C-alpha cells in the first residue's frame, strides 16, 4: 500500500501472497473477519472520513471497543486492515 500522492513514500507489502499456504491463511483470516494487521491512529473518526472520501470501503465503521475505537477496511488485495485509536 502506498498513497497515490506519495509514490516514493513508505510502502507496506503483505507477503507472500503467491505462496499457497499463505493464500489459505489469508482467506481464512478474511472469511473470519480477522484483520491481517492493525495501525494506530491519533483520530480515527477523522482518518475514517478521509479514507471514505478517497473511496476506501469499510466493513466496520468506527466502533468503540473497550478502551479503543476501531474500524476495519478491505485493502483490495484480500486483507482486512484495522485502524485503532486509544481513548
Protein backbone atom coordinates (compact mmCIF):
# COMPACT_ATOMS: atom_id res chain seq x y z
CA UNK A 1 0.00 0.00 0.00
CA UNK A 2 1.23 3.43 -0.84
CA UNK A 3 -0.76 6.64 -1.20
CA UNK A 4 -1.04 7.80 -4.83
CA UNK A 5 0.13 11.28 -3.84
CA UNK A 6 3.33 9.95 -2.24
CA UNK A 7 4.57 7.30 -4.65
CA UNK A 8 8.06 7.42 -3.16
CA UNK A 9 6.77 7.23 0.41
CA UNK A 10 6.64 4.28 2.78
CA UNK A 11 5.32 1.05 1.25
CA UNK A 12 3.55 -1.68 3.20
CA UNK A 13 3.65 -5.05 1.47
CA UNK A 14 1.85 -8.06 2.94
CA UNK A 15 3.61 -11.14 1.59
CA UNK A 16 3.93 -13.86 0.42
CA UNK A 17 0.52 -13.86 -1.25
CA UNK A 18 1.62 -16.17 -4.09
CA UNK A 19 2.63 -18.95 -1.65
CA UNK A 20 -0.30 -21.42 -1.46
CA UNK A 21 -0.28 -21.91 2.36
CA UNK A 22 -0.19 -18.12 2.74
CA UNK A 23 -3.20 -17.81 0.40
CA UNK A 24 -5.16 -20.27 2.55
CA UNK A 25 -4.20 -18.40 5.72
CA UNK A 26 -5.12 -15.05 4.15
CA UNK A 27 -8.52 -16.39 3.01
CA UNK A 28 -9.23 -17.93 6.42
CA UNK A 29 -8.50 -14.61 8.14
CA UNK A 30 -10.65 -12.70 5.64
CA UNK A 31 -13.55 -15.18 5.90
CA UNK A 32 -13.43 -14.95 9.71
CA UNK A 33 -13.35 -11.15 9.59
CA UNK A 34 -9.97 -11.04 11.34
CA UNK A 35 -7.65 -8.17 10.36
CA UNK A 36 -4.31 -9.08 8.78
CA UNK A 37 -2.71 -6.15 10.58
CA UNK A 38 -3.58 -3.10 12.63
CA UNK A 39 -2.42 0.51 12.57
CA UNK A 40 -2.71 3.04 15.41
CA UNK A 41 -4.08 6.47 14.52
CA UNK A 42 -4.47 9.62 16.60
CA UNK A 43 -8.01 10.48 15.41
CA UNK A 44 -9.89 7.51 13.98
CA UNK A 45 -13.04 9.42 13.01
CA UNK A 46 -11.01 11.99 11.08
CA UNK A 47 -8.95 9.25 9.34
CA UNK A 48 -12.09 7.21 8.56
CA UNK A 49 -13.78 10.23 6.94
CA UNK A 50 -10.64 10.99 4.91
CA UNK A 51 -10.36 7.40 3.66
CA UNK A 52 -14.07 7.15 2.82
CA UNK A 53 -13.73 10.29 0.66
CA UNK A 54 -10.87 8.53 -1.16
CA UNK A 55 -13.12 5.53 -1.90
CA UNK A 56 -11.94 3.12 0.79
CA UNK A 57 -14.67 0.62 1.68
CA UNK A 58 -15.01 -0.19 5.37
CA UNK A 59 -16.52 -3.46 6.59
CA UNK A 60 -16.65 -1.96 10.09
CA UNK A 61 -17.21 1.74 10.62
CA UNK A 62 -15.70 3.35 13.74
CA UNK A 63 -16.89 1.49 16.82
CA UNK A 64 -15.97 1.81 20.47
CA UNK A 65 -14.40 -1.39 21.81
CA UNK A 66 -13.26 -1.15 25.42
CA UNK A 67 -10.51 1.46 25.71
CA UNK A 68 -10.28 1.87 21.91
CA UNK A 69 -12.18 2.87 18.81
CA UNK A 70 -11.68 0.50 15.86
CA UNK A 71 -12.59 0.41 12.18
CA UNK A 72 -11.80 -2.21 9.52
CA UNK A 73 -11.37 -1.82 5.77
CA UNK A 74 -10.56 -4.07 2.82
CA UNK A 75 -7.17 -3.32 1.25
CA UNK A 76 -8.42 -4.66 -2.15
CA UNK A 77 -5.79 -7.43 -2.02
CA UNK A 78 -7.81 -9.80 0.15
CA UNK A 79 -6.88 -8.45 3.57
CA UNK A 80 -8.82 -6.76 6.33
CA UNK A 81 -6.85 -3.85 7.82
CA UNK A 82 -7.81 -2.49 11.21
CA UNK A 83 -7.35 1.09 12.39
CA UNK A 84 -7.23 1.69 16.17
CA UNK A 85 -7.40 4.77 18.34
CA UNK A 86 -6.75 4.58 22.06
CA UNK A 87 -9.31 6.51 24.10
